[in-house]
C-alpha atoms as a PDB file:
ATOM      1  CA  MET A   1      80.321 108.432  80.141  1.00  0.00           C
ATOM      2  CA  GLY A   2      83.488 110.414  79.509  1.00  0.00           C
ATOM      3  CA  ALA A   3      86.293 110.228  82.071  1.00  0.00           C
ATOM      4  CA  LEU A   4      85.664 113.806  83.195  1.00  0.00           C
ATOM      5  CA  ASN A   5      81.905 113.452  83.680  1.00  0.00           C
ATOM      6  CA  PHE A   6      82.072 111.788  87.104  1.00  0.00           C
ATOM      7  CA  SER A   7      81.324 113.637  90.346  1.00  0.00           C
ATOM      8  CA  GLY A   8      83.854 111.698  92.411  1.00  0.00           C
ATOM      9  CA  TYR A   9      87.275 110.154  91.818  1.00  0.00           C
ATOM     10  CA  ILE A  10      88.701 107.405  94.009  1.00  0.00           C
ATOM     11  CA  PHE A  11      92.450 106.984  93.595  1.00  0.00           C
ATOM     12  CA  ASP A  12      94.731 104.208  94.719  1.00  0.00           C
ATOM     13  CA  LEU A  13      98.033 105.668  95.940  1.00  0.00           C
ATOM     14  CA  ASP A  14     101.180 103.585  95.433  1.00  0.00           C
ATOM     15  CA  GLY A  15     101.655 102.913  91.730  1.00  0.00           C
ATOM     16  CA  THR A  16      98.846 105.309  90.799  1.00  0.00           C
ATOM     17  CA  ILE A  17      99.579 108.729  92.352  1.00  0.00           C
ATOM     18  CA  TYR A  18     103.154 108.063  93.457  1.00  0.00           C
ATOM     19  CA  ARG A  19     105.861 105.421  93.353  1.00  0.00           C
ATOM     20  CA  GLY A  20     107.773 105.338  96.615  1.00  0.00           C
ATOM     21  CA  GLU A  21     108.733 108.950  97.332  1.00  0.00           C
ATOM     22  CA  LYS A  22     108.095 110.371  93.853  1.00  0.00           C
ATOM     23  CA  LEU A  23     104.877 111.574  92.250  1.00  0.00           C
ATOM     24  CA  ILE A  24     103.836 109.939  88.993  1.00  0.00           C
ATOM     25  CA  PRO A  25     104.458 112.590  86.292  1.00  0.00           C
ATOM     26  CA  GLY A  26     101.248 114.551  85.720  1.00  0.00           C
ATOM     27  CA  ALA A  27      99.556 113.419  88.950  1.00  0.00           C
ATOM     28  CA  ARG A  28      99.701 116.843  90.615  1.00  0.00           C
ATOM     29  CA  GLU A  29      98.321 118.644  87.560  1.00  0.00           C
ATOM     30  CA  THR A  30      95.515 116.082  87.240  1.00  0.00           C
ATOM     31  CA  ILE A  31      94.406 116.452  90.858  1.00  0.00           C
ATOM     32  CA  GLU A  32      94.624 120.249  90.630  1.00  0.00           C
ATOM     33  CA  LYS A  33      92.403 120.271  87.546  1.00  0.00           C
ATOM     34  CA  LEU A  34      89.833 117.902  89.047  1.00  0.00           C
ATOM     35  CA  LYS A  35      89.616 120.011  92.198  1.00  0.00           C
ATOM     36  CA  ALA A  36      89.317 123.191  90.139  1.00  0.00           C
ATOM     37  CA  TRP A  37      86.330 121.560  88.455  1.00  0.00           C
ATOM     38  CA  THR A  38      84.864 120.873  91.979  1.00  0.00           C
ATOM     39  CA  LYS A  39      85.214 117.106  91.656  1.00  0.00           C
ATOM     40  CA  LYS A  40      85.309 115.159  94.927  1.00  0.00           C
ATOM     41  CA  ILE A  41      88.442 113.096  95.548  1.00  0.00           C
ATOM     42  CA  VAL A  42      89.473 110.422  98.020  1.00  0.00           C
ATOM     43  CA  TYR A  43      92.596 108.258  98.176  1.00  0.00           C
ATOM     44  CA  LEU A  44      92.551 104.576  99.125  1.00  0.00           C
ATOM     45  CA  SER A  45      95.281 102.412 100.619  1.00  0.00           C
ATOM     46  CA  ASN A  46      95.259  98.889 102.027  1.00  0.00           C
ATOM     47  CA  LYS A  47      98.278  99.685 104.181  1.00  0.00           C
ATOM     48  CA  PRO A  48      97.530  99.948 107.915  1.00  0.00           C
ATOM     49  CA  LEU A  49     101.108 100.993 108.716  1.00  0.00           C
ATOM     50  CA  GLN A  50     100.459 104.727 108.682  1.00  0.00           C
ATOM     51  CA  ALA A  51      97.718 106.996 109.960  1.00  0.00           C
ATOM     52  CA  ARG A  52      95.583 108.976 107.531  1.00  0.00           C
ATOM     53  CA  GLU A  53      97.396 112.085 108.735  1.00  0.00           C
ATOM     54  CA  ASP A  54     100.688 110.549 107.544  1.00  0.00           C
ATOM     55  CA  TYR A  55      99.348 109.843 104.066  1.00  0.00           C
ATOM     56  CA  ALA A  56      97.931 113.371 103.849  1.00  0.00           C
ATOM     57  CA  ALA A  57     101.257 114.825 104.984  1.00  0.00           C
ATOM     58  CA  LYS A  58     103.146 112.769 102.374  1.00  0.00           C
ATOM     59  CA  LEU A  59     100.850 113.861  99.551  1.00  0.00           C
ATOM     60  CA  THR A  60     101.056 117.478 100.684  1.00  0.00           C
ATOM     61  CA  HIS A  61     104.853 117.260 100.854  1.00  0.00           C
ATOM     62  CA  LEU A  62     104.930 115.818  97.324  1.00  0.00           C
ATOM     63  CA  GLY A  63     102.893 118.769  96.033  1.00  0.00           C
ATOM     64  CA  ILE A  64      99.273 117.596  96.322  1.00  0.00           C
ATOM     65  CA  PRO A  65      97.684 119.442  99.295  1.00  0.00           C
ATOM     66  CA  THR A  66      95.576 116.833 101.094  1.00  0.00           C
ATOM     67  CA  GLU A  67      93.444 116.702 104.234  1.00  0.00           C
ATOM     68  CA  PRO A  68      93.415 113.527 106.390  1.00  0.00           C
ATOM     69  CA  ALA A  69      89.661 113.239 105.730  1.00  0.00           C
ATOM     70  CA  GLU A  70      90.453 112.666 102.031  1.00  0.00           C
ATOM     71  CA  VAL A  71      92.435 109.496 102.821  1.00  0.00           C
ATOM     72  CA  ILE A  72      90.851 106.114 103.527  1.00  0.00           C
ATOM     73  CA  ASN A  73      93.084 103.259 104.606  1.00  0.00           C
ATOM     74  CA  SER A  74      92.308  99.797 105.932  1.00  0.00           C
ATOM     75  CA  SER A  75      92.840 100.704 109.601  1.00  0.00           C
ATOM     76  CA  PHE A  76      90.316 103.560 109.327  1.00  0.00           C
ATOM     77  CA  VAL A  77      87.860 101.260 107.540  1.00  0.00           C
ATOM     78  CA  MET A  78      88.298  98.604 110.238  1.00  0.00           C
ATOM     79  CA  ALA A  79      87.603 101.170 112.969  1.00  0.00           C
ATOM     80  CA  ARG A  80      84.501 102.448 111.138  1.00  0.00           C
ATOM     81  CA  TRP A  81      83.177  98.981 110.334  1.00  0.00           C
ATOM     82  CA  LEU A  82      83.677  97.510 113.792  1.00  0.00           C
ATOM     83  CA  SER A  83      82.268 100.580 115.559  1.00  0.00           C
ATOM     84  CA  GLN A  84      79.022  99.979 113.657  1.00  0.00           C
ATOM     85  CA  ARG A  85      78.940  96.283 114.558  1.00  0.00           C
ATOM     86  CA  ALA A  86      80.341  96.234 118.092  1.00  0.00           C
ATOM     87  CA  PRO A  87      81.043  99.712 119.511  1.00  0.00           C
ATOM     88  CA  GLY A  88      83.471  99.673 122.415  1.00  0.00           C
ATOM     89  CA  ALA A  89      84.263  95.974 121.995  1.00  0.00           C
ATOM     90  CA  THR A  90      87.295  94.391 123.627  1.00  0.00           C
ATOM     91  CA  ILE A  91      89.843  93.487 120.969  1.00  0.00           C
ATOM     92  CA  PHE A  92      93.238  91.885 120.509  1.00  0.00           C
ATOM     93  CA  ILE A  93      95.320  93.319 117.671  1.00  0.00           C
ATOM     94  CA  ILE A  94      98.005  91.557 115.690  1.00  0.00           C
ATOM     95  CA  GLY A  95      99.292  94.791 114.204  1.00  0.00           C
ATOM     96  CA  GLU A  96     101.484  97.836 114.534  1.00  0.00           C
ATOM     97  CA  PRO A  97     101.073 101.118 116.496  1.00  0.00           C
ATOM     98  CA  PRO A  98      99.101 103.114 113.849  1.00  0.00           C
ATOM     99  CA  LEU A  99      96.317 100.501 113.788  1.00  0.00           C
ATOM    100  CA  ILE A 100      96.339 100.238 117.591  1.00  0.00           C
ATOM    101  CA  ALA A 101      96.051 104.035 117.832  1.00  0.00           C
ATOM    102  CA  GLU A 102      93.180 104.130 115.311  1.00  0.00           C
ATOM    103  CA  MET A 103      91.193 101.485 117.178  1.00  0.00           C
ATOM    104  CA  THR A 104      91.883 103.045 120.573  1.00  0.00           C
ATOM    105  CA  ARG A 105      90.796 106.458 119.274  1.00  0.00           C
ATOM    106  CA  GLU A 106      87.537 104.868 118.131  1.00  0.00           C
ATOM    107  CA  GLY A 107      86.835 103.710 121.703  1.00  0.00           C
ATOM    108  CA  PHE A 108      87.782 100.031 121.573  1.00  0.00           C
ATOM    109  CA  HIS A 109      89.382  98.329 124.566  1.00  0.00           C
ATOM    110  CA  LEU A 110      92.625  96.382 124.159  1.00  0.00           C
ATOM    111  CA  SER A 111      93.243  93.143 126.007  1.00  0.00           C
ATOM    112  CA  GLU A 112      95.666  90.229 125.866  1.00  0.00           C
ATOM    113  CA  LYS A 113      93.441  88.072 128.108  1.00  0.00           C
ATOM    114  CA  PRO A 114      91.779  85.529 125.772  1.00  0.00           C
ATOM    115  CA  GLU A 115      88.652  85.261 127.908  1.00  0.00           C
ATOM    116  CA  GLU A 116      88.008  89.024 127.497  1.00  0.00           C
ATOM    117  CA  VAL A 117      88.627  89.330 123.770  1.00  0.00           C
ATOM    118  CA  GLN A 118      85.580  89.665 121.503  1.00  0.00           C
ATOM    119  CA  TYR A 119      87.452  90.317 118.240  1.00  0.00           C
ATOM    120  CA  VAL A 120      90.914  89.269 117.092  1.00  0.00           C
ATOM    121  CA  ILE A 121      92.125  91.661 114.396  1.00  0.00           C
ATOM    122  CA  ALA A 122      94.951  90.518 112.121  1.00  0.00           C
ATOM    123  CA  SER A 123      97.000  93.045 110.202  1.00  0.00           C
ATOM    124  CA  PHE A 124     100.434  93.660 108.697  1.00  0.00           C
ATOM    125  CA  ASP A 125     102.710  93.140 111.706  1.00  0.00           C
ATOM    126  CA  ARG A 126     106.497  93.145 111.520  1.00  0.00           C
ATOM    127  CA  SER A 127     106.626  92.257 115.238  1.00  0.00           C
ATOM    128  CA  PHE A 128     104.422  89.159 114.862  1.00  0.00           C
ATOM    129  CA  ASP A 129     105.561  86.336 117.139  1.00  0.00           C
ATOM    130  CA  TYR A 130     104.488  83.089 118.835  1.00  0.00           C
ATOM    131  CA  ARG A 131     103.080  84.941 121.848  1.00  0.00           C
ATOM    132  CA  LYS A 132     100.635  86.902 119.671  1.00  0.00           C
ATOM    133  CA  LEU A 133      99.681  83.769 117.747  1.00  0.00           C
ATOM    134  CA  ASN A 134      98.946  81.925 120.982  1.00  0.00           C
ATOM    135  CA  ILE A 135      96.766  84.758 122.363  1.00  0.00           C
ATOM    136  CA  ALA A 136      94.812  84.766 119.090  1.00  0.00           C
ATOM    137  CA  LEU A 137      94.388  80.980 119.219  1.00  0.00           C
ATOM    138  CA  GLN A 138      93.135  80.992 122.814  1.00  0.00           C
ATOM    139  CA  ALA A 139      90.774  83.934 122.219  1.00  0.00           C
ATOM    140  CA  ILE A 140      89.247  82.434 119.069  1.00  0.00           C
ATOM    141  CA  ASN A 141      88.890  79.054 120.810  1.00  0.00           C
ATOM    142  CA  LYS A 142      86.899  80.906 123.486  1.00  0.00           C
ATOM    143  CA  GLY A 143      84.551  82.396 120.902  1.00  0.00           C
ATOM    144  CA  ALA A 144      86.228  85.592 119.673  1.00  0.00           C
ATOM    145  CA  HIS A 145      85.533  86.695 116.093  1.00  0.00           C
ATOM    146  CA  PHE A 146      88.454  86.743 113.671  1.00  0.00           C
ATOM    147  CA  VAL A 147      88.719  89.666 111.213  1.00  0.00           C
ATOM    148  CA  ALA A 148      91.509  91.341 109.262  1.00  0.00           C
ATOM    149  CA  THR A 149      92.475  94.643 107.681  1.00  0.00           C
ATOM    150  CA  ASN A 150      93.651  93.592 104.200  1.00  0.00           C
ATOM    151  CA  PRO A 151      94.212  90.472 102.074  1.00  0.00           C
ATOM    152  CA  ASP A 152      97.616  91.340 100.572  1.00  0.00           C
ATOM    153  CA  ARG A 153     100.115  88.456 100.585  1.00  0.00           C
ATOM    154  CA  THR A 154     103.157  90.674 100.262  1.00  0.00           C
ATOM    155  CA  CYS A 155     104.084  94.331 100.393  1.00  0.00           C
ATOM    156  CA  PRO A 156     106.390  95.705  97.670  1.00  0.00           C
ATOM    157  CA  VAL A 157     109.546  97.326  99.016  1.00  0.00           C
ATOM    158  CA  GLU A 158     112.746  98.495  97.393  1.00  0.00           C
ATOM    159  CA  GLY A 159     114.473  95.408  96.084  1.00  0.00           C
ATOM    160  CA  GLY A 160     111.539  93.003  96.372  1.00  0.00           C
ATOM    161  CA  GLU A 161     108.699  92.073  98.718  1.00  0.00           C
ATOM    162  CA  ILE A 162     108.035  91.408 102.408  1.00  0.00           C
ATOM    163  CA  PRO A 163     105.181  89.407 104.036  1.00  0.00           C
ATOM    164  CA  ASP A 164     101.942  91.346 104.443  1.00  0.00           C
ATOM    165  CA  CYS A 165      98.681  90.734 106.301  1.00  0.00           C
ATOM    166  CA  ALA A 166      97.826  87.469 104.524  1.00  0.00           C
ATOM    167  CA  ALA A 167     100.797  85.860 106.271  1.00  0.00           C
ATOM    168  CA  MET A 168      99.357  86.762 109.686  1.00  0.00           C
ATOM    169  CA  ILE A 169      95.893  85.596 108.592  1.00  0.00           C
ATOM    170  CA  GLY A 170      97.391  82.303 107.407  1.00  0.00           C
ATOM    171  CA  ALA A 171      99.181  81.710 110.693  1.00  0.00           C
ATOM    172  CA  VAL A 172      96.021  82.268 112.747  1.00  0.00           C
ATOM    173  CA  GLU A 173      93.918  80.158 110.360  1.00  0.00           C
ATOM    174  CA  GLY A 174      96.532  77.408 110.549  1.00  0.00           C
ATOM    175  CA  ALA A 175      96.532  77.414 114.350  1.00  0.00           C
ATOM    176  CA  THR A 176      92.773  77.677 114.841  1.00  0.00           C
ATOM    177  CA  GLY A 177      91.419  75.794 111.832  1.00  0.00           C
ATOM    178  CA  LYS A 178      88.980  78.691 111.362  1.00  0.00           C
ATOM    179  CA  LYS A 179      88.790  81.028 108.368  1.00  0.00           C
ATOM    180  CA  VAL A 180      88.956  84.772 108.755  1.00  0.00           C
ATOM    181  CA  GLU A 181      85.362  86.050 108.831  1.00  0.00           C
ATOM    182  CA  VAL A 182      85.775  89.491 107.248  1.00  0.00           C
ATOM    183  CA  VAL A 183      88.636  91.332 105.517  1.00  0.00           C
ATOM    184  CA  VAL A 184      87.747  95.027 105.223  1.00  0.00           C
ATOM    185  CA  GLY A 185      90.449  96.266 102.797  1.00  0.00           C
ATOM    186  CA  LYS A 186      90.446  96.191  98.990  1.00  0.00           C
ATOM    187  CA  PRO A 187      88.743  94.443  97.201  1.00  0.00           C
ATOM    188  CA  SER A 188      86.084  94.377  99.951  1.00  0.00           C
ATOM    189  CA  ASP A 189      82.885  96.299  99.264  1.00  0.00           C
ATOM    190  CA  ILE A 190      83.211  97.583 102.850  1.00  0.00           C
ATOM    191  CA  MET A 191      86.077  99.857 101.797  1.00  0.00           C
ATOM    192  CA  ILE A 192      84.259 101.209  98.763  1.00  0.00           C
ATOM    193  CA  GLN A 193      81.161 101.898 100.886  1.00  0.00           C
ATOM    194  CA  VAL A 194      83.259 104.014 103.247  1.00  0.00           C
ATOM    195  CA  ALA A 195      84.693 105.881 100.255  1.00  0.00           C
ATOM    196  CA  GLY A 196      81.204 106.608  98.932  1.00  0.00           C
ATOM    197  CA  GLU A 197      79.970 107.730 102.347  1.00  0.00           C
ATOM    198  CA  THR A 198      83.001 109.991 102.749  1.00  0.00           C
ATOM    199  CA  MET A 199      82.235 111.736  99.462  1.00  0.00           C
ATOM    200  CA  GLY A 200      78.469 111.605  99.878  1.00  0.00           C
ATOM    201  CA  LEU A 201      78.132 110.039  96.415  1.00  0.00           C
ATOM    202  CA  ASN A 202      76.566 106.981  94.831  1.00  0.00           C
ATOM    203  CA  PRO A 203      79.136 104.527  93.386  1.00  0.00           C
ATOM    204  CA  ARG A 204      77.769 104.982  89.864  1.00  0.00           C
ATOM    205  CA  ASP A 205      78.755 108.663  90.058  1.00  0.00           C
ATOM    206  CA  CYS A 206      82.409 107.799  90.785  1.00  0.00           C
ATOM    207  CA  LEU A 207      85.434 106.588  88.868  1.00  0.00           C
ATOM    208  CA  LEU A 208      87.900 104.249  90.583  1.00  0.00           C
ATOM    209  CA  VAL A 209      91.496 104.651  89.380  1.00  0.00           C
ATOM    210  CA  GLY A 210      94.152 102.109  90.353  1.00  0.00           C
ATOM    211  CA  ASP A 211      96.999  99.903  89.154  1.00  0.00           C
ATOM    212  CA  ARG A 212      95.895  96.443  90.319  1.00  0.00           C
ATOM    213  CA  LEU A 213      93.367  94.210  88.588  1.00  0.00           C
ATOM    214  CA  GLU A 214      92.904  91.861  91.559  1.00  0.00           C
ATOM    215  CA  THR A 215      92.072  94.556  94.106  1.00  0.00           C
ATOM    216  CA  ASP A 216      91.266  97.962  92.593  1.00  0.00           C
ATOM    217  CA  MET A 217      89.462  96.856  89.437  1.00  0.00           C
ATOM    218  CA  ILE A 218      87.603  93.936  91.027  1.00  0.00           C
ATOM    219  CA  MET A 219      86.406  96.161  93.880  1.00  0.00           C
ATOM    220  CA  GLY A 220      85.158  98.833  91.486  1.00  0.00           C
ATOM    221  CA  LYS A 221      83.362  96.328  89.268  1.00  0.00           C
ATOM    222  CA  LYS A 222      81.676  94.669  92.277  1.00  0.00           C
ATOM    223  CA  ALA A 223      80.401  98.065  93.418  1.00  0.00           C
ATOM    224  CA  GLY A 224      78.952  98.887  89.987  1.00  0.00           C
ATOM    225  CA  MET A 225      81.500 101.650  89.564  1.00  0.00           C
ATOM    226  CA  ALA A 226      83.403 102.726  86.464  1.00  0.00           C
ATOM    227  CA  THR A 227      87.049 101.656  86.590  1.00  0.00           C
ATOM    228  CA  ALA A 228      90.293 102.979  85.133  1.00  0.00           C
ATOM    229  CA  LEU A 229      93.551 101.026  85.137  1.00  0.00           C
ATOM    230  CA  VAL A 230      96.840 102.917  85.019  1.00  0.00           C
ATOM    231  CA  LEU A 231     100.006 101.197  83.775  1.00  0.00           C
ATOM    232  CA  THR A 232     102.372 102.974  86.185  1.00  0.00           C
ATOM    233  CA  GLY A 233     102.119 100.260  88.853  1.00  0.00           C
ATOM    234  CA  VAL A 234     102.094  96.466  88.922  1.00  0.00           C
ATOM    235  CA  THR A 235      99.940  95.647  85.868  1.00  0.00           C
ATOM    236  CA  SER A 236     101.499  95.353  82.411  1.00  0.00           C
ATOM    237  CA  ARG A 237      99.699  95.383  79.055  1.00  0.00           C
ATOM    238  CA  GLU A 238     100.578  91.691  78.675  1.00  0.00           C
ATOM    239  CA  VAL A 239      98.882  90.781  81.976  1.00  0.00           C
ATOM    240  CA  LEU A 240      95.918  92.950  81.016  1.00  0.00           C
ATOM    241  CA  ARG A 241      95.558  91.199  77.642  1.00  0.00           C
ATOM    242  CA  GLN A 242      95.312  87.822  79.370  1.00  0.00           C
ATOM    243  CA  SER A 243      92.834  88.969  82.030  1.00  0.00           C
ATOM    244  CA  PRO A 244      89.092  88.251  81.763  1.00  0.00           C
ATOM    245  CA  LEU A 245      88.570  91.429  83.790  1.00  0.00           C
ATOM    246  CA  GLN A 246      88.743  94.509  81.577  1.00  0.00           C
ATOM    247  CA  PRO A 247      88.553  98.039  83.016  1.00  0.00           C
ATOM    248  CA  ASP A 248      86.404 100.736  81.414  1.00  0.00           C
ATOM    249  CA  TYR A 249      89.489 102.875  80.804  1.00  0.00           C
ATOM    250  CA  ILE A 250      93.160 101.954  80.322  1.00  0.00           C
ATOM    251  CA  TRP A 251      95.700 104.752  80.684  1.00  0.00           C
ATOM    252  CA  GLU A 252      99.454 104.990  80.637  1.00  0.00           C
ATOM    253  CA  SER A 253      99.118 107.179  83.759  1.00  0.00           C
ATOM    254  CA  VAL A 254      96.683 109.421  85.664  1.00  0.00           C
ATOM    255  CA  ALA A 255      97.878 112.294  83.478  1.00  0.00           C
ATOM    256  CA  GLU A 256      95.604 110.952  80.727  1.00  0.00           C
ATOM    257  CA  ILE A 257      92.449 111.804  82.687  1.00  0.00           C
ATOM    258  CA  ILE A 258      92.690 115.464  81.737  1.00  0.00           C
ATOM    259  CA  LYS A 259      94.193 115.073  78.260  1.00  0.00           C
END
């Protein structure tokens, strides 16, 4: 199938559509063309540090008009997933205000009393401390489930990396001796299911475009979806050559979709 024959396009954001505060050259024109051809589009991010409205506002500001409903991030996926499993559950969140707001908006109850907590949710948390770790330990020891938003070890920032959600997961696993039960972000099939439901499309009718082999490409392959790797993010041609996982398409950037 040619790259333009899909009904839906699922785009990673950082490294695929933009780098930091700048659009990848050709990204705006590509999205404009796809929308003109009535293709459905959603954007995926593992980051739970911003609301979908924030991502939409950033894309719009950069020149790609976007509605919040077109953005799927790990906090939204967590809220959707848990509301199907345990609506209105009492939860304890190791995370930052955007995730807390998303879960509260979905009708979950927050508690720091271990005996009340049904789910401990680990996420990227720059305010993580011993107090939070101890609440998680006590809650899980009393039978709470342990889930997380995303599996990323680090988050790229200007000048290097900072610890991401995997560091919080590791701390809780180390204290409790119990493995995290579910991680909803990429490469989880939970995230791709939400993307498909949002577009109302079957995975085989969609193309997943991203810059990471270990999250974007693996997730697409697991879902039976066509995959396209762009070389504007973290993956080099050298890394790609050595990888057993080979995408269906390899592009210098998203601009190649419409060339």
